[in-house]
Amino acid sequence: VTVVVHVPRITSDDGREALRPLTEYLSESGDDGDD
C-alpha cells in the first residue's frame, strides 16, 4: 500500500493567515531525516 498525500491549495490570504499558527507545531524535517 503506497501512501499518496493530498495537499490542498490555499486560495486566499485569509486562509493562509488562519493556518499560520499551525506552523509552530510542524517539524522542520520529516521522520526520514530529510531536512
PDB file of all heavy atoms in Angstrom:
ATOM      1  N   VAL A   1       0.864  -1.183   0.000  1.00  0.00           N
ATOM      2  CA  VAL A   1       0.000   0.000   0.000  1.00  0.00           C
ATOM      3  C   VAL A   1       0.898   1.230   0.000  1.00  0.00           C
ATOM      4  O   VAL A   1       1.648   1.472   0.955  1.00  0.00           O
ATOM      5  CB  VAL A   1      -0.929   0.011   1.227  1.00  0.00           C
ATOM      6  CG1 VAL A   1      -1.802   1.269   1.220  1.00  0.00           C
ATOM      7  CG2 VAL A   1      -1.797  -1.244   1.251  1.00  0.00           C
ATOM      8  N   THR A   2       0.852   1.995  -1.078  1.00  0.00           N
ATOM      9  CA  THR A   2       1.667   3.204  -1.207  1.00  0.00           C
ATOM     10  C   THR A   2       0.834   4.417  -0.815  1.00  0.00           C
ATOM     11  O   THR A   2      -0.273   4.622  -1.336  1.00  0.00           O
ATOM     12  CB  THR A   2       2.168   3.368  -2.650  1.00  0.00           C
ATOM     13  OG1 THR A   2       2.905   2.201  -3.031  1.00  0.00           O
ATOM     14  CG2 THR A   2       3.065   4.580  -2.778  1.00  0.00           C
ATOM     15  N   VAL A   3       1.360   5.217   0.110  1.00  0.00           N
ATOM     16  CA  VAL A   3       0.633   6.390   0.619  1.00  0.00           C
ATOM     17  C   VAL A   3       0.833   7.575  -0.318  1.00  0.00           C
ATOM     18  O   VAL A   3       1.963   7.947  -0.646  1.00  0.00           O
ATOM     19  CB  VAL A   3       1.114   6.755   2.041  1.00  0.00           C
ATOM     20  CG1 VAL A   3       0.403   8.027   2.530  1.00  0.00           C
ATOM     21  CG2 VAL A   3       0.859   5.599   2.998  1.00  0.00           C
ATOM     22  N   VAL A   4      -0.267   8.149  -0.748  1.00  0.00           N
ATOM     23  CA  VAL A   4      -0.256   9.372  -1.547  1.00  0.00           C
ATOM     24  C   VAL A   4      -0.929  10.454  -0.708  1.00  0.00           C
ATOM     25  O   VAL A   4      -2.095  10.312  -0.329  1.00  0.00           O
ATOM     26  CB  VAL A   4      -0.998   9.189  -2.878  1.00  0.00           C
ATOM     27  CG1 VAL A   4      -1.027  10.509  -3.652  1.00  0.00           C
ATOM     28  CG2 VAL A   4      -0.355   8.093  -3.707  1.00  0.00           C
ATOM     29  N   VAL A   5      -0.197  11.511  -0.394  1.00  0.00           N
ATOM     30  CA  VAL A   5      -0.719  12.588   0.462  1.00  0.00           C
ATOM     31  C   VAL A   5      -1.255  13.711  -0.408  1.00  0.00           C
ATOM     32  O   VAL A   5      -0.533  14.254  -1.258  1.00  0.00           O
ATOM     33  CB  VAL A   5       0.361  13.120   1.412  1.00  0.00           C
ATOM     34  CG1 VAL A   5      -0.197  14.258   2.273  1.00  0.00           C
ATOM     35  CG2 VAL A   5       0.895  11.992   2.292  1.00  0.00           C
ATOM     36  N   HIS A   6      -2.514  14.053  -0.186  1.00  0.00           N
ATOM     37  CA  HIS A   6      -3.139  15.144  -0.930  1.00  0.00           C
ATOM     38  C   HIS A   6      -2.993  16.441  -0.152  1.00  0.00           C
ATOM     39  O   HIS A   6      -3.483  16.578   0.972  1.00  0.00           O
ATOM     40  CB  HIS A   6      -4.616  14.851  -1.161  1.00  0.00           C
ATOM     41  CG  HIS A   6      -5.360  15.973  -1.815  1.00  0.00           C
ATOM     42  ND1 HIS A   6      -5.092  16.402  -3.101  1.00  0.00           N
ATOM     43  CD2 HIS A   6      -6.359  16.782  -1.349  1.00  0.00           C
ATOM     44  CE1 HIS A   6      -5.890  17.408  -3.405  1.00  0.00           C
ATOM     45  NE2 HIS A   6      -6.665  17.662  -2.349  1.00  0.00           N
ATOM     46  N   VAL A   7      -2.275  17.408  -0.741  1.00  0.00           N
ATOM     47  CA  VAL A   7      -2.087  18.722  -0.120  1.00  0.00           C
ATOM     48  C   VAL A   7      -2.998  19.715  -0.827  1.00  0.00           C
ATOM     49  O   VAL A   7      -2.804  20.008  -1.999  1.00  0.00           O
ATOM     50  CB  VAL A   7      -0.621  19.187  -0.229  1.00  0.00           C
ATOM     51  CG1 VAL A   7      -0.454  20.561   0.427  1.00  0.00           C
ATOM     52  CG2 VAL A   7       0.299  18.168   0.412  1.00  0.00           C
ATOM     53  N   PRO A   8      -4.004  20.279  -0.116  1.00  0.00           N
ATOM     54  CA  PRO A   8      -4.923  21.222  -0.764  1.00  0.00           C
ATOM     55  C   PRO A   8      -4.253  22.565  -1.016  1.00  0.00           C
ATOM     56  O   PRO A   8      -3.297  22.941  -0.332  1.00  0.00           O
ATOM     57  CB  PRO A   8      -6.060  21.334   0.244  1.00  0.00           C
ATOM     58  CG  PRO A   8      -5.433  21.041   1.569  1.00  0.00           C
ATOM     59  CD  PRO A   8      -4.376  20.025   1.301  1.00  0.00           C
ATOM     60  N   ARG A   9      -4.737  23.280  -1.984  1.00  0.00           N
ATOM     61  CA  ARG A   9      -4.243  24.630  -2.267  1.00  0.00           C
ATOM     62  C   ARG A   9      -4.903  25.632  -1.314  1.00  0.00           C
ATOM     63  O   ARG A   9      -6.085  25.513  -1.008  1.00  0.00           O
ATOM     64  CB  ARG A   9      -4.568  25.035  -3.710  1.00  0.00           C
ATOM     65  CG  ARG A   9      -3.821  24.213  -4.761  1.00  0.00           C
ATOM     66  CD  ARG A   9      -4.215  24.673  -6.161  1.00  0.00           C
ATOM     67  NE  ARG A   9      -3.499  23.927  -7.189  1.00  0.00           N
ATOM     68  CZ  ARG A   9      -2.284  24.258  -7.636  1.00  0.00           C
ATOM     69  NH1 ARG A   9      -1.676  25.339  -7.146  1.00  0.00           N
ATOM     70  NH2 ARG A   9      -1.683  23.524  -8.562  1.00  0.00           N
ATOM     71  N   ILE A  10      -4.104  26.615  -0.873  1.00  0.00           N
ATOM     72  CA  ILE A  10      -4.653  27.722  -0.060  1.00  0.00           C
ATOM     73  C   ILE A  10      -5.022  28.831  -1.035  1.00  0.00           C
ATOM     74  O   ILE A  10      -4.174  29.414  -1.702  1.00  0.00           O
ATOM     75  CB  ILE A  10      -3.630  28.214   0.970  1.00  0.00           C
ATOM     76  CG1 ILE A  10      -3.186  27.040   1.861  1.00  0.00           C
ATOM     77  CG2 ILE A  10      -4.204  29.342   1.801  1.00  0.00           C
ATOM     78  CD1 ILE A  10      -2.086  27.407   2.835  1.00  0.00           C
ATOM     79  N   THR A  11      -6.294  29.141  -1.126  1.00  0.00           N
ATOM     80  CA  THR A  11      -6.776  30.025  -2.188  1.00  0.00           C
ATOM     81  C   THR A  11      -6.884  31.489  -1.794  1.00  0.00           C
ATOM     82  O   THR A  11      -7.194  32.323  -2.631  1.00  0.00           O
ATOM     83  CB  THR A  11      -8.152  29.535  -2.651  1.00  0.00           C
ATOM     84  OG1 THR A  11      -9.064  29.542  -1.537  1.00  0.00           O
ATOM     85  CG2 THR A  11      -8.060  28.131  -3.223  1.00  0.00           C
ATOM     86  N   SER A  12      -6.595  31.816  -0.510  1.00  0.00           N
ATOM     87  CA  SER A  12      -6.732  33.229  -0.112  1.00  0.00           C
ATOM     88  C   SER A  12      -5.751  33.559   0.995  1.00  0.00           C
ATOM     89  O   SER A  12      -5.246  32.677   1.697  1.00  0.00           O
ATOM     90  CB  SER A  12      -8.166  33.513   0.378  1.00  0.00           C
ATOM     91  OG  SER A  12      -8.412  32.825   1.591  1.00  0.00           O
ATOM     92  N   ASP A  13      -5.525  34.863   1.166  1.00  0.00           N
ATOM     93  CA  ASP A  13      -4.650  35.317   2.248  1.00  0.00           C
ATOM     94  C   ASP A  13      -5.269  35.015   3.602  1.00  0.00           C
ATOM     95  O   ASP A  13      -4.568  34.697   4.567  1.00  0.00           O
ATOM     96  CB  ASP A  13      -4.391  36.826   2.122  1.00  0.00           C
ATOM     97  CG  ASP A  13      -3.517  37.136   0.910  1.00  0.00           C
ATOM     98  OD1 ASP A  13      -2.818  36.214   0.431  1.00  0.00           O
ATOM     99  OD2 ASP A  13      -3.552  38.296   0.449  1.00  0.00           O
ATOM    100  N   ASP A  14      -6.604  35.115   3.712  1.00  0.00           N
ATOM    101  CA  ASP A  14      -7.273  34.822   4.988  1.00  0.00           C
ATOM    102  C   ASP A  14      -7.052  33.364   5.381  1.00  0.00           C
ATOM    103  O   ASP A  14      -6.812  33.060   6.562  1.00  0.00           O
ATOM    104  CB  ASP A  14      -8.775  35.094   4.870  1.00  0.00           C
ATOM    105  CG  ASP A  14      -9.080  36.589   4.747  1.00  0.00           C
ATOM    106  OD1 ASP A  14      -8.187  37.387   5.117  1.00  0.00           O
ATOM    107  OD2 ASP A  14     -10.182  36.928   4.267  1.00  0.00           O
ATOM    108  N   GLY A  15      -7.116  32.494   4.396  1.00  0.00           N
ATOM    109  CA  GLY A  15      -6.886  31.089   4.700  1.00  0.00           C
ATOM    110  C   GLY A  15      -5.468  30.838   5.149  1.00  0.00           C
ATOM    111  O   GLY A  15      -5.215  30.055   6.072  1.00  0.00           O
ATOM    112  N   ARG A  16      -4.519  31.529   4.486  1.00  0.00           N
ATOM    113  CA  ARG A  16      -3.117  31.367   4.869  1.00  0.00           C
ATOM    114  C   ARG A  16      -2.883  31.869   6.280  1.00  0.00           C
ATOM    115  O   ARG A  16      -2.161  31.259   7.069  1.00  0.00           O
ATOM    116  CB  ARG A  16      -2.233  32.113   3.866  1.00  0.00           C
ATOM    117  CG  ARG A  16      -0.751  31.869   4.049  1.00  0.00           C
ATOM    118  CD  ARG A  16       0.083  32.493   2.945  1.00  0.00           C
ATOM    119  NE  ARG A  16      -0.114  31.771   1.674  1.00  0.00           N
ATOM    120  CZ  ARG A  16      -0.845  32.213   0.671  1.00  0.00           C
ATOM    121  NH1 ARG A  16      -1.458  33.400   0.783  1.00  0.00           N
ATOM    122  NH2 ARG A  16      -0.972  31.508  -0.434  1.00  0.00           N
ATOM    123  N   GLU A  17      -3.515  32.992   6.647  1.00  0.00           N
ATOM    124  CA  GLU A  17      -3.372  33.555   7.988  1.00  0.00           C
ATOM    125  C   GLU A  17      -4.004  32.640   9.029  1.00  0.00           C
ATOM    126  O   GLU A  17      -3.487  32.494  10.140  1.00  0.00           O
ATOM    127  CB  GLU A  17      -4.010  34.939   8.044  1.00  0.00           C
ATOM    128  CG  GLU A  17      -3.245  36.016   7.299  1.00  0.00           C
ATOM    129  CD  GLU A  17      -1.842  36.186   7.855  1.00  0.00           C
ATOM    130  OE1 GLU A  17      -1.662  36.119   9.103  1.00  0.00           O
ATOM    131  OE2 GLU A  17      -0.906  36.373   7.048  1.00  0.00           O
ATOM    132  N   ALA A  18      -5.120  32.005   8.667  1.00  0.00           N
ATOM    133  CA  ALA A  18      -5.797  31.129   9.619  1.00  0.00           C
ATOM    134  C   ALA A  18      -4.959  29.895   9.928  1.00  0.00           C
ATOM    135  O   ALA A  18      -4.992  29.367  11.050  1.00  0.00           O
ATOM    136  CB  ALA A  18      -7.150  30.697   9.059  1.00  0.00           C
ATOM    137  N   LEU A  19      -4.175  29.442   8.946  1.00  0.00           N
ATOM    138  CA  LEU A  19      -3.358  28.244   9.137  1.00  0.00           C
ATOM    139  C   LEU A  19      -1.970  28.550   9.686  1.00  0.00           C
ATOM    140  O   LEU A  19      -1.260  27.641  10.105  1.00  0.00           O
ATOM    141  CB  LEU A  19      -3.212  27.489   7.810  1.00  0.00           C
ATOM    142  CG  LEU A  19      -4.480  26.829   7.282  1.00  0.00           C
ATOM    143  CD1 LEU A  19      -4.241  26.265   5.892  1.00  0.00           C
ATOM    144  CD2 LEU A  19      -4.912  25.695   8.221  1.00  0.00           C
ATOM    145  N   ARG A  20      -1.575  29.840   9.689  1.00  0.00           N
ATOM    146  CA  ARG A  20      -0.232  30.177  10.111  1.00  0.00           C
ATOM    147  C   ARG A  20       0.094  29.682  11.510  1.00  0.00           C
ATOM    148  O   ARG A  20       1.211  29.180  11.752  1.00  0.00           O
ATOM    149  CB  ARG A  20      -0.011  31.692   9.998  1.00  0.00           C
ATOM    150  CG  ARG A  20       1.461  32.089  10.158  1.00  0.00           C
ATOM    151  CD  ARG A  20       1.614  33.600  10.007  1.00  0.00           C
ATOM    152  NE  ARG A  20       1.159  34.044   8.695  1.00  0.00           N
ATOM    153  CZ  ARG A  20       1.884  33.967   7.596  1.00  0.00           C
ATOM    154  NH1 ARG A  20       3.095  33.427   7.645  1.00  0.00           N
ATOM    155  NH2 ARG A  20       1.411  34.394   6.447  1.00  0.00           N
ATOM    156  N   PRO A  21      -0.805  29.780  12.495  1.00  0.00           N
ATOM    157  CA  PRO A  21      -0.453  29.293  13.841  1.00  0.00           C
ATOM    158  C   PRO A  21      -0.091  27.815  13.863  1.00  0.00           C
ATOM    159  O   PRO A  21       0.612  27.362  14.779  1.00  0.00           O
ATOM    160  CB  PRO A  21      -1.724  29.567  14.646  1.00  0.00           C
ATOM    161  CG  PRO A  21      -2.401  30.689  13.931  1.00  0.00           C
ATOM    162  CD  PRO A  21      -2.128  30.442  12.485  1.00  0.00           C
ATOM    163  N   LEU A  22      -0.545  27.060  12.872  1.00  0.00           N
ATOM    164  CA  LEU A  22      -0.255  25.634  12.844  1.00  0.00           C
ATOM    165  C   LEU A  22       1.221  25.356  12.622  1.00  0.00           C
ATOM    166  O   LEU A  22       1.730  24.313  13.047  1.00  0.00           O
ATOM    167  CB  LEU A  22      -1.078  24.980  11.716  1.00  0.00           C
ATOM    168  CG  LEU A  22      -0.899  23.483  11.477  1.00  0.00           C
ATOM    169  CD1 LEU A  22      -1.376  22.696  12.696  1.00  0.00           C
ATOM    170  CD2 LEU A  22      -1.658  23.037  10.240  1.00  0.00           C
ATOM    171  N   THR A  23       1.928  26.275  11.974  1.00  0.00           N
ATOM    172  CA  THR A  23       3.313  26.005  11.580  1.00  0.00           C
ATOM    173  C   THR A  23       4.233  25.815  12.775  1.00  0.00           C
ATOM    174  O   THR A  23       5.261  25.156  12.660  1.00  0.00           O
ATOM    175  CB  THR A  23       3.851  27.157  10.715  1.00  0.00           C
ATOM    176  OG1 THR A  23       3.775  28.390  11.460  1.00  0.00           O
ATOM    177  CG2 THR A  23       3.030  27.293   9.435  1.00  0.00           C
ATOM    178  N   GLU A  24       3.855  26.376  13.944  1.00  0.00           N
ATOM    179  CA  GLU A  24       4.744  26.209  15.091  1.00  0.00           C
ATOM    180  C   GLU A  24       4.725  24.776  15.625  1.00  0.00           C
ATOM    181  O   GLU A  24       5.590  24.387  16.395  1.00  0.00           O
ATOM    182  CB  GLU A  24       4.346  27.174  16.199  1.00  0.00           C
ATOM    183  CG  GLU A  24       2.970  26.915  16.769  1.00  0.00           C
ATOM    184  CD  GLU A  24       2.610  27.932  17.857  1.00  0.00           C
ATOM    185  OE1 GLU A  24       2.973  27.676  19.019  1.00  0.00           O
ATOM    186  OE2 GLU A  24       1.988  28.951  17.519  1.00  0.00           O
ATOM    187  N   TYR A  25       3.730  23.979  15.196  1.00  0.00           N
ATOM    188  CA  TYR A  25       3.650  22.591  15.653  1.00  0.00           C
ATOM    189  C   TYR A  25       4.253  21.618  14.619  1.00  0.00           C
ATOM    190  O   TYR A  25       4.281  20.420  14.851  1.00  0.00           O
ATOM    191  CB  TYR A  25       2.183  22.193  15.896  1.00  0.00           C
ATOM    192  CG  TYR A  25       1.510  23.037  16.944  1.00  0.00           C
ATOM    193  CD1 TYR A  25       0.610  24.033  16.585  1.00  0.00           C
ATOM    194  CD2 TYR A  25       1.779  22.850  18.300  1.00  0.00           C
ATOM    195  CE1 TYR A  25      -0.012  24.809  17.538  1.00  0.00           C
ATOM    196  CE2 TYR A  25       1.169  23.632  19.261  1.00  0.00           C
ATOM    197  CZ  TYR A  25       0.277  24.612  18.883  1.00  0.00           C
ATOM    198  OH  TYR A  25      -0.344  25.378  19.828  1.00  0.00           O
ATOM    199  N   LEU A  26       4.693  22.156  13.485  1.00  0.00           N
ATOM    200  CA  LEU A  26       5.229  21.292  12.431  1.00  0.00           C
ATOM    201  C   LEU A  26       6.727  21.113  12.589  1.00  0.00           C
ATOM    202  O   LEU A  26       7.458  22.083  12.818  1.00  0.00           O
ATOM    203  CB  LEU A  26       4.933  21.875  11.050  1.00  0.00           C
ATOM    204  CG  LEU A  26       3.457  22.081  10.696  1.00  0.00           C
ATOM    205  CD1 LEU A  26       3.343  22.672   9.306  1.00  0.00           C
ATOM    206  CD2 LEU A  26       2.705  20.756  10.777  1.00  0.00           C
ATOM    207  N   SER A  27       7.188  19.864  12.453  1.00  0.00           N
ATOM    208  CA  SER A  27       8.615  19.580  12.499  1.00  0.00           C
ATOM    209  C   SER A  27       9.278  20.170  11.263  1.00  0.00           C
ATOM    210  O   SER A  27       8.723  20.158  10.169  1.00  0.00           O
ATOM    211  CB  SER A  27       8.840  18.069  12.547  1.00  0.00           C
ATOM    212  OG  SER A  27      10.213  17.768  12.401  1.00  0.00           O
ATOM    213  N   GLU A  28      10.505  20.656  11.445  1.00  0.00           N
ATOM    214  CA  GLU A  28      11.239  21.238  10.318  1.00  0.00           C
ATOM    215  C   GLU A  28      11.720  20.169   9.347  1.00  0.00           C
ATOM    216  O   GLU A  28      11.964  20.429   8.190  1.00  0.00           O
ATOM    217  CB  GLU A  28      12.437  22.029  10.858  1.00  0.00           C
ATOM    218  CG  GLU A  28      13.167  22.852   9.793  1.00  0.00           C
ATOM    219  CD  GLU A  28      12.298  23.979   9.278  1.00  0.00           C
ATOM    220  OE1 GLU A  28      11.625  24.663  10.071  1.00  0.00           O
ATOM    221  OE2 GLU A  28      12.272  24.171   8.035  1.00  0.00           O
ATOM    222  N   SER A  29      11.821  18.912   9.838  1.00  0.00           N
ATOM    223  CA  SER A  29      12.279  17.815   8.968  1.00  0.00           C
ATOM    224  C   SER A  29      11.354  16.628   9.140  1.00  0.00           C
ATOM    225  O   SER A  29      10.708  16.456  10.171  1.00  0.00           O
ATOM    226  CB  SER A  29      13.717  17.406   9.310  1.00  0.00           C
ATOM    227  OG  SER A  29      13.774  16.908  10.625  1.00  0.00           O
ATOM    228  N   GLY A  30      11.290  15.811   8.101  1.00  0.00           N
ATOM    229  CA  GLY A  30      10.457  14.617   8.159  1.00  0.00           C
ATOM    230  C   GLY A  30      11.136  13.530   8.980  1.00  0.00           C
ATOM    231  O   GLY A  30      12.308  13.609   9.332  1.00  0.00           O
ATOM    232  N   ASP A  31      10.374  12.517   9.307  1.00  0.00           N
ATOM    233  CA  ASP A  31      10.909  11.408  10.092  1.00  0.00           C
ATOM    234  C   ASP A  31      11.958  10.627   9.341  1.00  0.00           C
ATOM    235  O   ASP A  31      12.699   9.841   9.934  1.00  0.00           O
ATOM    236  CB  ASP A  31       9.771  10.453  10.503  1.00  0.00           C
ATOM    237  CG  ASP A  31       8.842  11.098  11.527  1.00  0.00           C
ATOM    238  OD1 ASP A  31       9.252  12.096  12.132  1.00  0.00           O
ATOM    239  OD2 ASP A  31       7.720  10.575  11.710  1.00  0.00           O
ATOM    240  N   ASP A  32      12.016  10.846   8.032  1.00  0.00           N
ATOM    241  CA  ASP A  32      13.001  10.097   7.247  1.00  0.00           C
ATOM    242  C   ASP A  32      14.356  10.778   7.226  1.00  0.00           C
ATOM    243  O   ASP A  32      15.264  10.356   6.541  1.00  0.00           O
ATOM    244  CB  ASP A  32      12.504   9.903   5.805  1.00  0.00           C
ATOM    245  CG  ASP A  32      12.200  11.236   5.127  1.00  0.00           C
ATOM    246  OD1 ASP A  32      12.437  12.282   5.769  1.00  0.00           O
ATOM    247  OD2 ASP A  32      11.719  11.206   3.974  1.00  0.00           O
ATOM    248  N   GLY A  33      14.512  11.892   8.029  1.00  0.00           N
ATOM    249  CA  GLY A  33      15.797  12.561   8.115  1.00  0.00           C
ATOM    250  C   GLY A  33      16.010  13.593   7.032  1.00  0.00           C
ATOM    251  O   GLY A  33      17.042  14.236   6.993  1.00  0.00           O
ATOM    252  N   ASP A  34      15.061  13.773   6.158  1.00  0.00           N
ATOM    253  CA  ASP A  34      15.190  14.752   5.075  1.00  0.00           C
ATOM    254  C   ASP A  34      14.809  16.114   5.613  1.00  0.00           C
ATOM    255  O   ASP A  34      13.664  16.351   5.976  1.00  0.00           O
ATOM    256  CB  ASP A  34      14.263  14.346   3.920  1.00  0.00           C
ATOM    257  CG  ASP A  34      14.356  15.326   2.757  1.00  0.00           C
ATOM    258  OD1 ASP A  34      15.235  16.209   2.815  1.00  0.00           O
ATOM    259  OD2 ASP A  34      13.554  15.194   1.819  1.00  0.00           O
ATOM    260  N   ASP A  35      15.796  17.040   5.694  1.00  0.00           N
ATOM    261  CA  ASP A  35      15.522  18.361   6.237  1.00  0.00           C
ATOM    262  C   ASP A  35      14.459  19.089   5.447  1.00  0.00           C
ATOM    263  O   ASP A  35      13.802  19.990   5.950  1.00  0.00           O
ATOM    264  CB  ASP A  35      16.814  19.205   6.258  1.00  0.00           C
ATOM    265  CG  ASP A  35      17.772  18.708   7.328  1.00  0.00           C
ATOM    266  OD1 ASP A  35      17.288  18.011   8.258  1.00  0.00           O
ATOM    267  OD2 ASP A  35      18.984  18.969   7.215  1.00  0.00           O
TER     268      ASP A  35
END
